[in-house]
Amino acid sequence: MIHEILPVGMLACNCSIVGDEATGEAVVIDPGDDVERVQEILAQRKLRAKYIVATHAHIDHVGGIEKLKRATGAAVLMHEADLPLYQNLAMQAAWLGVVPPGVIDVDQFLREGNTLRWGSLTLEVLHTPGHSPGSLSLRLQGQHPRIFSGDTLFQGSIGRTDLWGGSFDQILRSIQNTLLRFPDDTPVFPGHGPTTTIGQEREYNPFLQGL
């Protein structure tokens, strides 16, 4: 398995490229910007993108989707509840004072329990709303299990809930009922910042004490 992490854009979103070495197929998670660098890694590792997956539709996670879709032809996937956010990227860009990126049609809406397969790899889709209505976490199954938590769970923190559609109570429920049910040694790759584990967050994350 190939796993490359590339911080992209002004907010340093962690874009993950997960590839199957045998088939050369890959999934690109949260290509928020710097699409040329994403393409360089795909080329260097001899990978071709099969899916482009957004954990949620804030601009720092989806700003590069349109360019990457046109360059690779990969299918664009996200949760339908975040479609209004994606369709209003221009408003998000204005709020940040940046040039609005392009928007492209979503090929498939993801739901809780869906699975994505490429080569020998499988991702399980977990709906973890709270940061946004359609926020997803993605669990890689198999020999190298890991969770891509988007902006739901960070090392020592959780996603902000003061933006459109956010809910503090809901994000805590998502973490408690969905993410904390996995083994303590499960690696977690957040949408920003360093990698952590379920056990580390269960024990030390100040937002999760008492859950």
Protein backbone atom coordinates (compact mmCIF):
# COMPACT_ATOMS: atom_id res chain seq x y z
CA MET A 1 0.00 0.00 0.00
CA ILE A 2 1.10 3.55 -0.77
CA HIS A 3 0.01 6.41 1.49
CA GLU A 4 1.27 9.92 0.79
CA ILE A 5 0.15 12.94 2.83
CA LEU A 6 0.42 16.38 1.25
CA PRO A 7 -0.53 19.55 3.18
CA VAL A 8 -2.23 21.74 0.56
CA GLY A 9 -3.47 25.31 0.36
CA MET A 10 -3.31 28.29 2.68
CA LEU A 11 -4.93 26.32 5.53
CA ALA A 12 -2.62 23.28 5.11
CA CYS A 13 -5.33 20.69 4.59
CA ASN A 14 -3.92 17.16 4.73
CA CYS A 15 -4.59 15.66 1.31
CA SER A 16 -4.06 11.89 1.40
CA ILE A 17 -3.21 9.78 -1.63
CA VAL A 18 -3.83 6.09 -0.96
CA GLY A 19 -2.71 3.71 -3.68
CA ASP A 20 -2.72 0.01 -4.44
CA GLU A 21 0.73 -0.97 -5.72
CA ALA A 22 -0.46 -4.00 -7.67
CA THR A 23 -3.07 -2.23 -9.79
CA GLY A 24 -1.82 1.36 -9.64
CA GLU A 25 -5.28 2.59 -8.63
CA ALA A 26 -5.55 5.36 -6.05
CA VAL A 27 -7.98 7.38 -3.98
CA VAL A 28 -7.30 11.07 -3.38
CA ILE A 29 -8.88 12.37 -0.17
CA ASP A 30 -9.49 16.11 0.27
CA PRO A 31 -7.56 17.73 -2.60
CA GLY A 32 -8.17 21.25 -1.36
CA ASP A 33 -5.54 22.96 -3.52
CA ASP A 34 -2.10 22.50 -5.12
CA VAL A 35 -3.45 20.06 -7.68
CA GLU A 36 -0.20 20.13 -9.64
CA ARG A 37 1.65 18.73 -6.61
CA VAL A 38 -1.00 16.02 -6.21
CA GLN A 39 -0.54 15.08 -9.87
CA GLU A 40 3.23 14.99 -9.42
CA ILE A 41 2.93 12.46 -6.60
CA LEU A 42 0.50 10.35 -8.61
CA ALA A 43 2.96 10.32 -11.51
CA GLN A 44 6.00 9.63 -9.32
CA ARG A 45 4.30 6.68 -7.65
CA LYS A 46 2.83 5.45 -10.96
CA LEU A 47 -0.73 5.81 -9.70
CA ARG A 48 -3.95 6.77 -11.42
CA ALA A 49 -6.79 8.28 -9.41
CA LYS A 50 -9.99 6.24 -9.40
CA TYR A 51 -11.88 8.25 -6.76
CA ILE A 52 -11.69 11.79 -5.40
CA VAL A 53 -13.33 11.82 -1.96
CA ALA A 54 -14.22 14.88 0.11
CA THR A 55 -14.59 14.35 3.85
CA HIS A 56 -16.66 17.56 3.76
CA ALA A 57 -17.21 20.51 1.45
CA HIS A 58 -15.34 23.38 3.08
CA ILE A 59 -13.21 25.16 0.50
CA ASP A 60 -9.86 24.09 1.99
CA HIS A 61 -10.83 20.45 1.39
CA VAL A 62 -12.57 20.68 -2.00
CA GLY A 63 -11.01 23.67 -3.75
CA GLY A 64 -8.94 21.50 -6.08
CA ILE A 65 -11.58 18.92 -6.96
CA GLU A 66 -12.66 20.47 -10.27
CA LYS A 67 -9.08 20.70 -11.58
CA LEU A 68 -8.18 17.19 -10.42
CA LYS A 69 -11.34 15.73 -11.93
CA ARG A 70 -10.59 17.31 -15.30
CA ALA A 71 -6.99 16.10 -15.16
CA THR A 72 -7.67 12.51 -14.09
CA GLY A 73 -11.29 11.66 -14.86
CA ALA A 74 -11.65 10.21 -11.36
CA ALA A 75 -15.13 10.01 -9.84
CA VAL A 76 -15.99 12.78 -7.34
CA LEU A 77 -17.65 11.58 -4.13
CA MET A 78 -19.04 13.35 -1.05
CA HIS A 79 -22.07 13.27 1.26
CA GLU A 80 -25.19 14.87 -0.20
CA ALA A 81 -25.80 16.95 2.93
CA ASP A 82 -22.72 19.01 2.08
CA LEU A 83 -23.76 19.69 -1.52
CA PRO A 84 -25.06 23.21 -0.67
CA LEU A 85 -21.64 24.03 0.79
CA TYR A 86 -19.90 22.78 -2.34
CA GLN A 87 -22.24 24.65 -4.66
CA ASN A 88 -21.48 27.85 -2.74
CA LEU A 89 -17.69 27.78 -3.02
CA ALA A 90 -17.75 31.34 -4.35
CA MET A 91 -19.28 32.53 -1.07
CA GLN A 92 -16.71 30.57 0.92
CA ALA A 93 -13.92 32.07 -1.20
CA ALA A 94 -15.24 35.59 -0.64
CA TRP A 95 -15.23 34.98 3.11
CA LEU A 96 -11.52 34.02 2.92
CA GLY A 97 -10.67 36.70 0.37
CA VAL A 98 -9.43 34.28 -2.29
CA VAL A 99 -10.28 33.61 -5.93
CA PRO A 100 -13.18 31.12 -6.11
CA PRO A 101 -12.24 27.69 -7.48
CA GLY A 102 -14.27 25.87 -10.09
CA VAL A 103 -17.14 23.55 -9.20
CA ILE A 104 -17.94 20.29 -10.98
CA ASP A 105 -20.76 17.75 -10.76
CA VAL A 106 -20.57 15.18 -7.98
CA ASP A 107 -20.54 11.65 -9.43
CA GLN A 108 -21.73 9.78 -6.35
CA PHE A 109 -23.14 10.69 -2.96
CA LEU A 110 -21.77 8.67 -0.07
CA ARG A 111 -23.75 7.36 2.88
CA GLU A 112 -23.00 5.63 6.16
CA GLY A 113 -21.88 2.06 5.53
CA ASN A 114 -20.91 2.51 1.87
CA THR A 115 -17.62 0.92 0.83
CA LEU A 116 -15.14 1.99 -1.82
CA ARG A 117 -12.82 -0.56 -3.39
CA TRP A 118 -9.75 -0.06 -5.54
CA GLY A 119 -7.28 -2.82 -6.10
CA SER A 120 -7.00 -4.77 -2.85
CA LEU A 121 -7.98 -1.80 -0.68
CA THR A 122 -11.34 -0.94 0.88
CA LEU A 123 -12.63 2.20 2.58
CA GLU A 124 -15.67 2.14 4.84
CA VAL A 125 -17.71 5.35 4.87
CA LEU A 126 -18.67 6.71 8.30
CA HIS A 127 -21.09 9.63 8.54
CA THR A 128 -19.75 11.86 11.34
CA PRO A 129 -21.73 15.14 11.19
CA GLY A 130 -21.10 18.08 13.47
CA HIS A 131 -18.34 20.06 11.77
CA SER A 132 -20.70 20.17 8.79
CA PRO A 133 -23.93 18.28 8.04
CA GLY A 134 -22.25 15.92 5.59
CA SER A 135 -18.92 15.41 7.32
CA LEU A 136 -17.47 11.96 6.74
CA SER A 137 -14.75 9.87 8.29
CA LEU A 138 -13.23 7.08 6.22
CA ARG A 139 -11.89 3.82 7.66
CA LEU A 140 -9.31 1.89 5.67
CA GLN A 141 -9.82 -1.81 6.29
CA GLY A 142 -7.38 -4.69 5.99
CA GLN A 143 -3.73 -5.08 7.01
CA HIS A 144 -3.08 -1.37 7.45
CA PRO A 145 -6.22 -0.04 9.19
CA ARG A 146 -6.50 3.69 9.71
CA ILE A 147 -9.14 6.39 9.93
CA PHE A 148 -9.22 9.57 7.90
CA SER A 149 -11.22 11.81 10.22
CA GLY A 150 -11.50 14.96 8.12
CA ASP A 151 -12.20 17.91 10.44
CA THR A 152 -14.14 15.83 12.95
CA LEU A 153 -11.27 14.74 15.21
CA PHE A 154 -7.80 16.27 15.55
CA GLN A 155 -4.85 15.55 17.78
CA GLY A 156 -5.96 17.14 21.05
CA SER A 157 -8.99 18.87 19.59
CA ILE A 158 -12.15 18.58 17.48
CA GLY A 159 -13.49 20.42 14.46
CA ARG A 160 -14.98 23.87 14.88
CA THR A 161 -18.76 23.96 14.99
CA ASP A 162 -19.48 27.67 14.55
CA LEU A 163 -19.71 27.52 10.74
CA TRP A 164 -22.86 26.85 8.70
CA GLY A 165 -24.52 23.60 9.73
CA GLY A 166 -22.13 22.95 12.59
CA SER A 167 -23.23 21.48 15.92
CA PHE A 168 -21.09 20.96 19.02
CA ASP A 169 -23.43 18.34 20.46
CA GLN A 170 -23.57 16.49 17.16
CA ILE A 171 -19.81 16.35 16.65
CA LEU A 172 -19.34 14.92 20.14
CA ARG A 173 -21.99 12.27 19.42
CA SER A 174 -20.27 11.42 16.14
CA ILE A 175 -16.95 10.96 17.88
CA GLN A 176 -18.39 9.00 20.80
CA ASN A 177 -20.73 6.74 18.87
CA THR A 178 -18.68 6.22 15.72
CA LEU A 179 -14.97 6.90 16.12
CA LEU A 180 -14.35 5.86 19.72
CA ARG A 181 -15.76 2.39 19.06
CA PHE A 182 -12.58 1.47 17.18
CA PRO A 183 -9.50 -0.05 18.89
CA ASP A 184 -7.18 2.29 20.76
CA ASP A 185 -4.25 1.53 18.47
CA THR A 186 -6.12 2.63 15.33
CA PRO A 187 -4.15 5.43 13.62
CA VAL A 188 -6.11 8.59 12.88
CA PHE A 189 -5.16 10.94 10.04
CA PRO A 190 -6.96 14.27 10.59
CA GLY A 191 -7.73 16.88 7.98
CA HIS A 192 -5.17 19.22 9.57
CA GLY A 193 -2.20 18.69 11.83
CA PRO A 194 -0.38 15.58 13.02
CA THR A 195 -1.45 11.96 13.08
CA THR A 196 -2.83 10.52 16.31
CA THR A 197 -4.59 7.36 17.54
CA ILE A 198 -8.03 6.61 18.90
CA GLY A 199 -6.53 5.68 22.26
CA GLN A 200 -4.50 8.87 22.54
CA GLU A 201 -7.57 11.00 21.90
CA ARG A 202 -9.76 8.93 24.20
CA GLU A 203 -7.29 9.50 27.04
CA TYR A 204 -5.91 13.00 26.46
CA ASN A 205 -8.26 15.00 24.23
CA PRO A 206 -9.84 17.60 26.56
CA PHE A 207 -13.07 17.65 24.54
CA LEU A 208 -13.61 13.92 25.02
CA GLN A 209 -13.15 13.59 28.74
CA GLY A 210 -16.21 12.07 30.35
CA LEU A 211 -17.71 10.72 27.10
